[in-house]
Amino acid sequence: MKKPLFTADKMVWLIALFFCLPFMALLLQLFVSEAAIWQHLTTTVLPTYLSQSLLLLAWVALGTLLIGVSTAWLVASHDFPGRTYFQWLLILPMAMPAYIVAYAYTWWLDVAGPIQTALRSHFDWSFSDYYFPNIRSFSGAVVVLTLVLYPYVYLLARAAFQKQTKTLSEVHQLSGGSTTSFFYRVALPLARPAIFGGLALVMMETLADYGTVQYFGVNTLTTGILKTWFGLGSLSGAAQIAMLLLTMVILVMLLEKVWRGQAKYDTANNTGTTQLRSINSSCKKWLASCWCMLVVVLGFVLPATLLVVMAFKSQIASWYHDFLSVTIDTLWLAGITALITVGAALVLMYVKRIHHGTSHRAVIQAMSLGYAIPGLVIAVGVTIAFGWLDQGFNSIRSMFSNASPVLFFSGGFLALITAYVMRFLAVAIQPIDAAYQSIRPHLDEASLLTGKNSSQTFRQIHMPLLKSSVWTAMLLVFVDLLKELPATLVLRPFNFNTLAVKAYELASDERLADAAIPALSIVAVGLIPVLLLNQRINAAHDNHA
């Protein structure tokens, strides 16, 4: 029997090669001599980029920690009015990309917005007669990112608190401890690994953000990359800043491991259920409800309502056909890329199952870290690497013809799709890997005993059992692709837009009402995986109980 040209093993190394090229390109740019550019950056803007990034990271981390842990503790452990609804309402801000929330609040709070316009009209004030906080500021970026990113901490903290059984609380009460001391001395330390895991995700998302900080005029490393690239015309300078940003992301990942330490707690064998504490004071009950309601309103209800109001004020009739064209382009690009990404994840997880060697597992583990890397960093690496491939391709082509050079690798969708796959492969891997772990090894052994080879086992045994997880992975990747902005801005082919880019361009042109239409489309689709995620968490809690 003829051996196939591309086996699963070879596909793993081929996928790994595509992953390595952009990062090798970034690494080599450290040795490119552009001393004048780098000296200009280090003496003028780079300290600002770095300090603003670190300050933003610290404030957003603090804000998400306070909101995420407090709401998780209330919902997981206390009985108060509306608790059942807040369990899933508090997750909804995950469906709102930060830059879209920024557009909504700017439309509402800016100088030309309805609030300040009403103030001037009612009190007959001029612009200099009153002070109003500037939403387009560093503090505005902190507030928006905190309201959008706190669910990462909330979800993991809530799951950790729900796993803590009432036996622990009863033992603590018998020893004379109060509810407050139980939280600080027992519940919080036990939930520490989960909380720090969520906080690490928040910090990585903060470092990766471009749309919000750029729109609010905050100079961070992400905005510095594009300013250096397109403003100074220095791709190598942009690559060096990208490497600095990548280093910060790696430090966050290492910090998360240090914060967790060796903390591992056995909750799987607990047979009790979480005890819902009754809040004795009716005032405190309603304070708990009001706090959760305030977070939900500011993080989702108000921005979503503002987007709807903005949409009614838009001039959609004048660019309706353009909107339809952009929507179709977005859907087919996201659909094709999601298929490729999930297909790559299936190959990797299949090889991980049938091969127990450390080399395969190490390569797959490395590729699953792509989601932690900012899209702009990946975009810079892909641009440099594919530029080299184009140079080599055209050099070989010139030996056989006098045709004009072409941008085969970097001029079309190949570069963009490659960046997408690198960025979101981890999103596809997680549900498929979890499903594979639930498939018992004896099924593979029984299949081999019946005469089936590995590929037949995969098609006839694995795929039927993986079907629901594959669809989940497709949905998650598809939604993340709709939201992605920085990589699309840099790598998209000429005259090609997605819904995210269109919203960004309209907002940049101060057409905020028109930007609401594509923004609402992204939010509507983004709600689907958020609600599915909440359903899974509740199901897991019910099974645990």
Protein backbone atom coordinates (compact mmCIF):
# COMPACT_ATOMS: atom_id res chain seq x y z
CA MET A 1 0.00 0.00 0.00
CA LYS A 2 1.39 3.40 -1.02
CA LYS A 3 2.23 5.65 1.90
CA PRO A 4 0.40 9.02 1.84
CA LEU A 5 2.50 12.05 0.96
CA PHE A 6 1.20 14.11 3.90
CA THR A 7 0.74 12.12 7.09
CA ALA A 8 -0.57 13.64 10.33
CA ASP A 9 3.00 13.74 11.69
CA LYS A 10 4.24 15.73 8.71
CA MET A 11 1.28 18.09 8.95
CA VAL A 12 2.24 18.90 12.55
CA TRP A 13 5.73 19.95 11.49
CA LEU A 14 4.34 21.90 8.53
CA ILE A 15 1.98 23.83 10.83
CA ALA A 16 4.86 24.38 13.26
CA LEU A 17 6.98 25.80 10.42
CA PHE A 18 4.32 28.38 9.62
CA PHE A 19 4.25 29.30 13.31
CA CYS A 20 8.02 29.63 13.60
CA LEU A 21 8.62 31.84 10.55
CA PRO A 22 7.03 35.06 11.89
CA PHE A 23 8.75 34.78 15.27
CA MET A 24 12.10 34.01 13.66
CA ALA A 25 11.57 37.10 11.51
CA LEU A 26 10.90 39.24 14.60
CA LEU A 27 13.93 37.81 16.37
CA LEU A 28 16.23 38.53 13.43
CA GLN A 29 15.00 42.12 13.29
CA LEU A 30 16.74 42.71 16.61
CA PHE A 31 20.01 42.53 14.69
CA VAL A 32 18.95 44.85 11.88
CA SER A 33 20.96 48.06 12.12
CA GLU A 34 18.72 51.13 12.20
CA ALA A 35 20.58 52.91 14.97
CA ALA A 36 19.18 56.36 14.18
CA ILE A 37 15.56 55.18 14.32
CA TRP A 38 16.04 53.19 17.51
CA GLN A 39 17.92 56.03 19.21
CA HIS A 40 15.11 58.41 18.25
CA LEU A 41 12.53 56.02 19.70
CA THR A 42 14.37 55.39 22.98
CA THR A 43 15.02 59.08 23.62
CA THR A 44 11.57 60.38 22.68
CA VAL A 45 8.50 58.12 22.61
CA LEU A 46 9.50 54.64 23.77
CA PRO A 47 9.60 55.53 27.51
CA THR A 48 6.06 56.93 27.14
CA TYR A 49 4.85 53.82 25.30
CA LEU A 50 6.29 51.59 28.01
CA SER A 51 5.12 53.62 31.02
CA GLN A 52 1.59 54.06 29.63
CA SER A 53 1.35 50.32 28.89
CA LEU A 54 2.48 49.42 32.42
CA LEU A 55 0.14 51.94 34.07
CA LEU A 56 -2.79 50.78 31.96
CA LEU A 57 -1.95 47.17 32.83
CA ALA A 58 -1.85 47.93 36.58
CA TRP A 59 -5.10 49.92 36.72
CA VAL A 60 -7.10 47.52 34.55
CA ALA A 61 -5.79 44.54 36.55
CA LEU A 62 -6.82 46.22 39.81
CA GLY A 63 -10.26 47.17 38.49
CA THR A 64 -11.06 43.76 37.04
CA LEU A 65 -9.83 42.07 40.21
CA LEU A 66 -12.14 44.13 42.43
CA ILE A 67 -15.20 43.79 40.19
CA GLY A 68 -14.63 40.18 39.14
CA VAL A 69 -13.92 38.74 42.59
CA SER A 70 -16.65 40.71 44.42
CA THR A 71 -19.41 39.79 41.96
CA ALA A 72 -18.24 36.16 41.76
CA TRP A 73 -18.31 35.83 45.56
CA LEU A 74 -21.78 37.35 45.82
CA VAL A 75 -23.28 35.24 43.03
CA ALA A 76 -21.60 31.96 44.03
CA SER A 77 -22.12 32.14 47.78
CA HIS A 78 -24.99 34.47 48.70
CA ASP A 79 -28.72 34.58 48.24
CA PHE A 80 -30.02 38.01 47.22
CA PRO A 81 -32.68 39.39 44.84
CA GLY A 82 -31.88 38.71 41.19
CA ARG A 83 -28.96 36.35 41.90
CA THR A 84 -30.19 33.73 39.38
CA TYR A 85 -30.25 36.34 36.61
CA PHE A 86 -26.95 37.94 37.54
CA GLN A 87 -25.22 34.57 37.12
CA TRP A 88 -25.42 34.97 33.35
CA LEU A 89 -25.96 38.73 33.03
CA LEU A 90 -22.49 39.39 34.46
CA ILE A 91 -20.93 37.44 31.57
CA LEU A 92 -22.54 39.54 28.82
CA PRO A 93 -19.78 42.19 28.57
CA MET A 94 -17.58 39.48 27.03
CA ALA A 95 -19.68 39.89 23.87
CA MET A 96 -18.71 43.58 23.65
CA PRO A 97 -15.29 44.28 22.10
CA ALA A 98 -13.63 47.09 24.02
CA TYR A 99 -13.30 49.40 21.04
CA ILE A 100 -17.06 49.15 20.40
CA VAL A 101 -17.84 50.11 24.01
CA ALA A 102 -15.43 53.01 23.55
CA TYR A 103 -17.39 54.24 20.51
CA ALA A 104 -20.71 54.00 22.39
CA TYR A 105 -19.52 55.91 25.45
CA THR A 106 -17.76 58.53 23.33
CA TRP A 107 -20.94 59.20 21.35
CA TRP A 108 -22.80 59.64 24.64
CA LEU A 109 -20.26 61.59 26.72
CA ASP A 110 -18.19 63.56 24.21
CA VAL A 111 -18.48 67.33 23.69
CA ALA A 112 -20.91 66.86 20.80
CA GLY A 113 -22.75 64.02 22.57
CA PRO A 114 -26.33 64.21 23.87
CA ILE A 115 -25.40 64.75 27.56
CA GLN A 116 -23.11 67.75 27.09
CA THR A 117 -25.35 69.16 24.36
CA ALA A 118 -28.34 68.98 26.73
CA LEU A 119 -26.33 70.63 29.53
CA ARG A 120 -25.32 73.53 27.32
CA SER A 121 -28.83 73.90 25.96
CA HIS A 122 -30.56 73.75 29.36
CA PHE A 123 -28.20 76.05 31.26
CA ASP A 124 -27.20 78.24 28.32
CA TRP A 125 -23.51 77.46 28.94
CA SER A 126 -20.63 77.89 26.56
CA PHE A 127 -17.86 75.30 26.23
CA SER A 128 -15.72 77.09 28.83
CA ASP A 129 -18.47 77.49 31.45
CA TYR A 130 -18.35 73.99 32.86
CA TYR A 131 -16.05 71.01 33.45
CA PHE A 132 -16.94 67.57 32.15
CA PRO A 133 -14.63 64.52 32.36
CA ASN A 134 -12.95 63.75 29.06
CA ILE A 135 -13.88 60.25 27.93
CA ARG A 136 -11.06 60.26 25.36
CA SER A 137 -8.33 59.94 27.96
CA PHE A 138 -6.19 57.44 29.84
CA SER A 139 -8.82 57.10 32.58
CA GLY A 140 -11.50 56.54 29.93
CA ALA A 141 -9.45 53.68 28.48
CA VAL A 142 -9.03 52.17 31.95
CA VAL A 143 -12.78 52.28 32.64
CA VAL A 144 -13.76 50.80 29.26
CA LEU A 145 -11.20 47.98 29.39
CA THR A 146 -12.13 47.16 32.99
CA LEU A 147 -15.85 46.95 32.20
CA VAL A 148 -15.22 44.66 29.23
CA LEU A 149 -12.50 42.40 30.66
CA TYR A 150 -13.68 41.74 34.24
CA PRO A 151 -15.71 38.63 33.14
CA TYR A 152 -12.43 36.71 32.71
CA VAL A 153 -11.83 37.04 36.46
CA TYR A 154 -15.52 36.67 37.32
CA LEU A 155 -15.98 33.39 35.42
CA LEU A 156 -12.95 31.61 36.86
CA ALA A 157 -13.45 32.98 40.38
CA ARG A 158 -17.14 32.04 40.36
CA ALA A 159 -16.34 28.48 39.23
CA ALA A 160 -13.73 28.20 42.01
CA PHE A 161 -16.08 29.52 44.70
CA GLN A 162 -18.86 27.17 43.55
CA LYS A 163 -16.57 24.16 44.02
CA GLN A 164 -16.03 25.01 47.68
CA THR A 165 -18.47 22.90 49.65
CA LYS A 166 -20.62 23.94 52.57
CA THR A 167 -18.59 21.58 54.80
CA LEU A 168 -15.72 24.07 54.76
CA SER A 169 -18.05 26.89 55.80
CA GLU A 170 -19.61 24.81 58.58
CA VAL A 171 -16.20 23.89 60.01
CA HIS A 172 -15.17 27.55 59.93
CA GLN A 173 -18.38 28.63 61.70
CA LEU A 174 -17.93 25.98 64.38
CA SER A 175 -14.50 27.43 65.08
CA GLY A 176 -16.11 30.84 65.65
CA GLY A 177 -15.29 32.45 62.33
CA SER A 178 -17.50 34.98 60.54
CA THR A 179 -18.51 35.12 56.88
CA THR A 180 -15.97 37.87 56.24
CA SER A 181 -13.11 35.94 57.82
CA PHE A 182 -14.17 32.81 55.87
CA PHE A 183 -13.85 34.77 52.63
CA TYR A 184 -10.36 36.12 53.41
CA ARG A 185 -8.92 33.08 55.23
CA VAL A 186 -10.51 30.14 53.36
CA ALA A 187 -12.44 30.95 50.16
CA LEU A 188 -10.02 33.49 48.67
CA PRO A 189 -6.84 31.42 49.19
CA LEU A 190 -8.56 28.33 47.72
CA ALA A 191 -9.69 30.33 44.68
CA ARG A 192 -6.29 32.00 44.18
CA PRO A 193 -5.12 29.82 41.26
CA ALA A 194 -8.33 30.47 39.31
CA ILE A 195 -8.34 34.19 40.08
CA PHE A 196 -4.75 34.66 38.97
CA GLY A 197 -5.49 32.64 35.84
CA GLY A 198 -8.28 35.05 34.95
CA LEU A 199 -6.14 38.05 35.86
CA ALA A 200 -3.38 36.85 33.53
CA LEU A 201 -5.90 36.69 30.66
CA VAL A 202 -7.02 40.25 31.48
CA MET A 203 -3.44 41.51 31.43
CA MET A 204 -2.68 39.84 28.10
CA GLU A 205 -5.86 41.26 26.55
CA THR A 206 -4.94 44.71 27.87
CA LEU A 207 -1.48 44.54 26.33
CA ALA A 208 -2.98 43.34 23.03
CA ASP A 209 -5.65 46.05 22.79
CA TYR A 210 -5.27 48.52 19.94
CA GLY A 211 -8.70 49.87 19.01
CA THR A 212 -9.54 51.38 22.41
CA VAL A 213 -6.18 52.94 23.24
CA GLN A 214 -5.75 54.32 19.72
CA TYR A 215 -9.22 55.85 19.69
CA PHE A 216 -8.73 57.41 23.13
CA GLY A 217 -5.28 58.75 22.24
CA VAL A 218 -3.35 56.65 24.77
CA ASN A 219 0.20 55.96 23.61
CA THR A 220 0.96 52.32 24.39
CA LEU A 221 3.28 49.78 22.78
CA THR A 222 0.54 48.64 20.39
CA THR A 223 -0.08 52.13 19.04
CA GLY A 224 3.68 52.67 18.94
CA ILE A 225 4.13 49.72 16.61
CA LEU A 226 1.90 51.20 13.91
CA LYS A 227 3.19 54.74 14.42
CA THR A 228 6.76 53.54 13.95
CA TRP A 229 5.84 51.36 10.99
CA PHE A 230 3.68 53.76 9.00
CA GLY A 231 4.69 57.10 10.55
CA LEU A 232 8.46 56.65 10.51
CA GLY A 233 8.46 54.06 7.72
CA SER A 234 10.56 51.67 9.81
CA LEU A 235 9.38 48.07 9.79
CA SER A 236 12.44 46.96 11.75
CA GLY A 237 11.74 49.58 14.45
CA ALA A 238 8.13 48.37 14.65
CA ALA A 239 9.39 44.79 14.91
CA GLN A 240 11.68 45.71 17.81
CA ILE A 241 8.80 47.35 19.68
CA ALA A 242 6.73 44.24 18.90
CA MET A 243 9.45 42.11 20.47
CA LEU A 244 9.32 44.32 23.57
CA LEU A 245 5.54 43.82 23.71
CA LEU A 246 5.98 40.06 23.24
CA THR A 247 8.50 40.03 26.09
CA MET A 248 5.93 41.70 28.36
CA VAL A 249 3.34 39.06 27.42
CA ILE A 250 5.81 36.28 28.25
CA LEU A 251 6.55 37.96 31.59
CA VAL A 252 2.82 38.04 32.36
CA MET A 253 2.60 34.31 31.62
CA LEU A 254 5.58 33.62 33.90
CA LEU A 255 4.11 35.84 36.62
CA GLU A 256 0.87 33.89 36.45
CA LYS A 257 2.79 30.68 37.14
CA VAL A 258 4.65 32.32 40.02
CA TRP A 259 1.42 33.72 41.49
CA ARG A 260 -0.19 30.32 41.36
CA GLY A 261 2.90 28.73 42.83
CA GLN A 262 2.30 25.11 43.67
CA ALA A 263 -1.29 25.77 44.66
CA LYS A 264 -3.38 22.75 43.72
CA TYR A 265 -6.50 21.96 45.68
CA ASP A 266 -8.53 18.80 45.49
CA THR A 267 -12.17 19.74 44.89
CA ALA A 268 -13.15 16.83 42.68
CA ASN A 269 -13.80 14.51 45.60
CA ASN A 270 -15.94 16.95 47.58
CA THR A 271 -19.44 15.58 47.82
CA GLY A 272 -21.19 18.52 49.44
CA THR A 273 -22.75 21.47 47.67
CA THR A 274 -22.00 25.17 47.88
CA GLN A 275 -23.91 26.78 50.73
CA LEU A 276 -25.81 29.93 49.77
CA ARG A 277 -25.53 32.30 52.71
CA SER A 278 -28.62 34.33 53.44
CA ILE A 279 -27.92 38.04 53.88
CA ASN A 280 -29.77 39.04 57.05
CA SER A 281 -30.05 42.76 56.39
CA SER A 282 -32.51 43.69 53.63
CA CYS A 283 -30.40 46.80 52.99
CA LYS A 284 -27.33 44.65 52.33
CA LYS A 285 -29.36 42.36 50.07
CA TRP A 286 -30.37 45.24 47.88
CA LEU A 287 -26.86 46.68 47.98
CA ALA A 288 -25.59 43.37 46.57
CA SER A 289 -28.25 43.48 43.84
CA CYS A 290 -27.49 47.13 43.05
CA TRP A 291 -23.74 46.46 42.79
CA CYS A 292 -24.24 43.59 40.35
CA MET A 293 -26.84 45.59 38.42
CA LEU A 294 -24.50 48.60 38.15
CA VAL A 295 -21.73 46.42 36.70
CA VAL A 296 -24.10 44.82 34.16
CA VAL A 297 -25.62 48.16 33.14
CA LEU A 298 -22.26 49.89 32.64
CA GLY A 299 -20.61 46.90 30.98
CA PHE A 300 -23.37 45.77 28.62
CA VAL A 301 -26.88 47.23 28.91
CA LEU A 302 -25.92 50.89 28.53
CA PRO A 303 -23.40 50.40 25.67
CA ALA A 304 -25.81 48.10 23.83
CA THR A 305 -28.68 50.56 24.27
CA LEU A 306 -26.50 53.42 23.06
CA LEU A 307 -25.52 51.41 19.98
CA VAL A 308 -29.19 50.84 19.16
CA VAL A 309 -29.97 54.56 19.57
CA MET A 310 -26.92 55.44 17.44
CA ALA A 311 -28.03 52.98 14.77
CA PHE A 312 -31.40 54.76 14.44
CA LYS A 313 -29.55 58.04 13.92
CA SER A 314 -27.23 56.61 11.26
CA GLN A 315 -27.46 57.34 7.55
CA ILE A 316 -27.50 53.64 6.64
CA ALA A 317 -29.47 54.27 3.44
CA SER A 318 -26.50 56.07 1.90
CA TRP A 319 -24.11 53.12 2.35
CA TYR A 320 -26.46 50.15 2.69
CA HIS A 321 -24.96 48.26 -0.26
CA ASP A 322 -21.46 48.86 1.11
CA PHE A 323 -22.56 47.42 4.47
CA LEU A 324 -23.97 44.29 2.79
CA SER A 325 -20.74 43.83 0.83
CA VAL A 326 -18.62 44.19 3.97
CA THR A 327 -20.86 41.75 5.87
CA ILE A 328 -20.59 39.11 3.13
CA ASP A 329 -16.79 39.56 2.94
CA THR A 330 -16.52 39.23 6.71
CA LEU A 331 -18.67 36.09 6.87
CA TRP A 332 -16.89 34.18 4.13
CA LEU A 333 -13.41 35.13 5.42
CA ALA A 334 -14.33 34.18 9.00
CA GLY A 335 -15.99 30.95 7.82
CA ILE A 336 -13.05 29.77 5.68
CA THR A 337 -10.50 30.70 8.35
CA ALA A 338 -12.51 28.96 11.06
CA LEU A 339 -12.57 25.77 8.94
CA ILE A 340 -8.80 25.92 8.45
CA THR A 341 -8.16 26.67 12.12
CA VAL A 342 -10.37 23.87 13.41
CA GLY A 343 -8.89 21.47 10.83
CA ALA A 344 -5.39 22.29 12.08
CA ALA A 345 -6.54 21.82 15.68
CA LEU A 346 -7.99 18.41 14.82
CA VAL A 347 -4.70 17.31 13.25
CA LEU A 348 -2.71 18.48 16.26
CA MET A 349 -5.00 16.84 18.82
CA TYR A 350 -5.10 13.60 16.84
CA VAL A 351 -1.30 13.44 16.74
CA LYS A 352 -1.15 14.29 20.43
CA ARG A 353 -3.44 11.32 21.11
CA ILE A 354 -1.62 8.72 19.03
CA HIS A 355 1.93 9.90 19.79
CA HIS A 356 3.23 10.11 23.32
CA GLY A 357 6.66 11.48 22.44
CA THR A 358 7.83 14.66 24.14
CA SER A 359 8.77 16.37 20.85
CA HIS A 360 5.24 16.27 19.44
CA ARG A 361 3.68 17.35 22.72
CA ALA A 362 6.15 20.21 23.19
CA VAL A 363 5.51 21.55 19.67
CA ILE A 364 1.74 21.33 20.09
CA GLN A 365 1.93 23.00 23.51
CA ALA A 366 3.97 25.86 22.04
CA MET A 367 1.48 26.41 19.23
CA SER A 368 -1.42 26.49 21.67
CA LEU A 369 0.04 29.65 23.26
CA GLY A 370 -0.77 31.76 20.19
CA TYR A 371 -3.86 33.35 21.76
CA ALA A 372 -1.66 35.02 24.35
CA ILE A 373 0.30 36.84 21.64
CA PRO A 374 -1.13 40.22 20.52
CA GLY A 375 -2.52 40.21 16.99
CA LEU A 376 -0.37 43.19 16.06
CA VAL A 377 2.82 41.32 17.03
CA ILE A 378 1.80 38.38 14.87
CA ALA A 379 0.92 40.75 12.01
CA VAL A 380 4.37 42.36 12.07
CA GLY A 381 6.10 38.97 12.11
CA VAL A 382 3.95 37.64 9.27
CA THR A 383 4.61 40.76 7.17
CA ILE A 384 8.38 40.41 7.52
CA ALA A 385 8.44 36.63 6.99
CA PHE A 386 6.11 36.68 3.99
CA GLY A 387 8.07 39.61 2.55
CA TRP A 388 11.14 37.37 2.59
CA LEU A 389 9.19 34.57 0.93
CA ASP A 390 8.03 36.96 -1.80
CA GLN A 391 11.60 38.10 -2.42
CA GLY A 392 12.78 34.50 -2.76
CA PHE A 393 9.83 33.58 -4.97
CA ASN A 394 10.40 36.53 -7.31
CA SER A 395 14.15 35.86 -7.46
CA ILE A 396 13.51 32.28 -8.64
CA ARG A 397 10.76 33.47 -10.99
CA SER A 398 13.06 36.05 -12.59
CA MET A 399 15.41 33.26 -13.67
CA PHE A 400 12.75 31.86 -16.00
CA SER A 401 10.80 34.94 -17.13
CA ASN A 402 10.92 38.72 -17.30
CA ALA A 403 7.50 39.13 -15.72
CA SER A 404 6.99 41.84 -13.11
CA PRO A 405 7.43 40.84 -9.47
CA VAL A 406 4.26 39.75 -7.64
CA LEU A 407 3.35 39.67 -3.96
CA PHE A 408 2.22 36.06 -3.93
CA PHE A 409 2.53 35.51 -0.17
CA SER A 410 2.00 38.95 1.37
CA GLY A 411 -0.27 40.60 -1.19
CA GLY A 412 -3.45 38.55 -0.75
CA PHE A 413 -5.38 36.69 1.89
CA LEU A 414 -2.67 34.13 2.68
CA ALA A 415 -0.86 36.40 5.14
CA LEU A 416 -4.09 37.46 6.83
CA ILE A 417 -5.41 33.90 7.20
CA THR A 418 -2.03 32.71 8.51
CA ALA A 419 -2.07 35.40 11.20
CA TYR A 420 -5.65 34.50 12.11
CA VAL A 421 -4.82 30.79 12.44
CA MET A 422 -1.80 31.55 14.62
CA ARG A 423 -3.84 33.85 16.83
CA PHE A 424 -6.90 31.65 17.33
CA LEU A 425 -5.61 28.09 17.05
CA ALA A 426 -5.60 27.84 20.84
CA VAL A 427 -9.32 28.73 20.90
CA ALA A 428 -10.04 25.74 18.65
CA ILE A 429 -7.68 23.41 20.50
CA GLN A 430 -9.29 23.77 23.93
CA PRO A 431 -12.75 22.24 23.29
CA ILE A 432 -11.34 19.54 20.98
CA ASP A 433 -8.63 18.59 23.48
CA ALA A 434 -11.22 18.40 26.27
CA ALA A 435 -13.42 16.15 24.13
CA TYR A 436 -10.48 13.89 23.23
CA GLN A 437 -9.68 13.42 26.92
CA SER A 438 -13.19 12.05 27.47
CA ILE A 439 -12.71 9.36 24.76
CA ARG A 440 -11.39 6.25 26.49
CA PRO A 441 -8.19 4.72 25.03
CA HIS A 442 -9.77 1.25 24.91
CA LEU A 443 -12.01 2.44 22.04
CA ASP A 444 -8.88 2.94 19.90
CA GLU A 445 -7.58 -0.48 20.90
CA ALA A 446 -10.90 -2.15 20.07
CA SER A 447 -10.96 -0.41 16.69
CA LEU A 448 -7.46 -1.63 15.84
CA LEU A 449 -8.41 -5.18 16.85
CA THR A 450 -11.25 -5.09 14.31
CA GLY A 451 -8.74 -4.34 11.53
CA LYS A 452 -9.21 -0.61 11.19
CA ASN A 453 -6.15 1.57 10.63
CA SER A 454 -5.50 4.92 12.33
CA SER A 455 -7.25 7.06 9.72
CA GLN A 456 -10.34 4.80 9.76
CA THR A 457 -10.40 4.96 13.56
CA PHE A 458 -10.29 8.74 13.36
CA ARG A 459 -13.12 8.98 10.83
CA GLN A 460 -15.40 6.28 12.23
CA ILE A 461 -14.73 6.46 15.98
CA HIS A 462 -13.25 9.83 16.90
CA MET A 463 -15.14 12.21 14.64
CA PRO A 464 -18.68 11.15 15.69
CA LEU A 465 -17.67 11.62 19.33
CA LEU A 466 -15.94 14.92 18.62
CA LYS A 467 -18.72 16.40 16.47
CA SER A 468 -20.29 18.70 19.09
CA SER A 469 -16.88 19.94 20.28
CA VAL A 470 -15.81 20.63 16.71
CA TRP A 471 -18.91 22.77 16.16
CA THR A 472 -18.22 24.59 19.43
CA ALA A 473 -14.65 25.26 18.33
CA MET A 474 -15.91 26.52 14.95
CA LEU A 475 -18.32 28.91 16.64
CA LEU A 476 -15.76 30.27 19.10
CA VAL A 477 -13.14 30.87 16.40
CA PHE A 478 -15.72 32.40 14.05
CA VAL A 479 -16.83 34.94 16.67
CA ASP A 480 -13.26 35.85 17.63
CA LEU A 481 -12.46 36.40 13.96
CA LEU A 482 -15.36 38.85 13.66
CA LYS A 483 -13.91 40.92 16.52
CA GLU A 484 -10.25 40.92 15.46
CA LEU A 485 -9.10 44.41 14.52
CA PRO A 486 -5.31 45.12 14.60
CA ALA A 487 -4.13 42.13 12.51
CA THR A 488 -6.88 42.79 9.97
CA LEU A 489 -5.96 46.48 9.72
CA VAL A 490 -2.36 45.65 8.86
CA LEU A 491 -2.68 42.54 6.68
CA ARG A 492 -5.97 42.92 4.77
CA PRO A 493 -5.69 43.17 0.98
CA PHE A 494 -6.22 46.54 -0.64
CA ASN A 495 -9.85 47.75 -0.66
CA PHE A 496 -11.02 44.87 1.56
CA ASN A 497 -12.90 45.50 4.82
CA THR A 498 -14.42 43.48 7.62
CA LEU A 499 -17.15 44.60 10.03
CA ALA A 500 -14.53 45.39 12.69
CA VAL A 501 -12.42 47.47 10.30
CA LYS A 502 -15.50 49.24 8.93
CA ALA A 503 -16.63 50.19 12.44
CA TYR A 504 -13.11 51.42 13.21
CA GLU A 505 -12.90 53.51 10.03
CA LEU A 506 -16.32 55.09 10.55
CA ALA A 507 -15.51 55.92 14.18
CA SER A 508 -12.13 57.38 13.14
CA ASP A 509 -14.02 59.63 10.71
CA GLU A 510 -16.28 60.71 13.62
CA ARG A 511 -19.25 58.94 12.01
CA LEU A 512 -20.09 57.24 15.30
CA ALA A 513 -23.76 56.73 14.50
CA ASP A 514 -22.87 54.90 11.28
CA ALA A 515 -20.26 52.84 13.15
CA ALA A 516 -23.06 51.45 15.35
CA ILE A 517 -24.46 49.28 12.54
CA PRO A 518 -21.38 47.01 12.05
CA ALA A 519 -20.68 47.21 15.78
CA LEU A 520 -24.15 45.86 16.64
CA SER A 521 -23.68 43.04 14.13
CA ILE A 522 -20.48 41.96 15.91
CA VAL A 523 -22.11 42.16 19.36
CA ALA A 524 -25.18 40.18 18.26
CA VAL A 525 -23.05 37.29 16.98
CA GLY A 526 -20.73 37.55 19.99
CA LEU A 527 -23.60 36.89 22.39
CA ILE A 528 -24.01 33.31 21.15
CA PRO A 529 -20.80 31.76 22.57
CA VAL A 530 -21.12 33.83 25.76
CA LEU A 531 -24.54 32.33 26.51
CA LEU A 532 -23.31 28.84 25.57
CA LEU A 533 -20.35 29.29 27.92
CA ASN A 534 -22.64 30.21 30.79
CA GLN A 535 -24.82 27.17 30.05
CA ARG A 536 -21.80 24.89 30.24
CA ILE A 537 -20.63 26.38 33.53
CA ASN A 538 -24.08 25.92 35.07
CA ALA A 539 -24.23 22.33 33.78
CA ALA A 540 -20.80 21.59 35.25
CA HIS A 541 -21.89 23.06 38.59
CA ASP A 542 -25.10 21.00 38.59
CA ASN A 543 -23.12 17.82 37.89
CA HIS A 544 -20.70 18.69 40.67
CA ALA A 545 -23.55 19.31 43.06
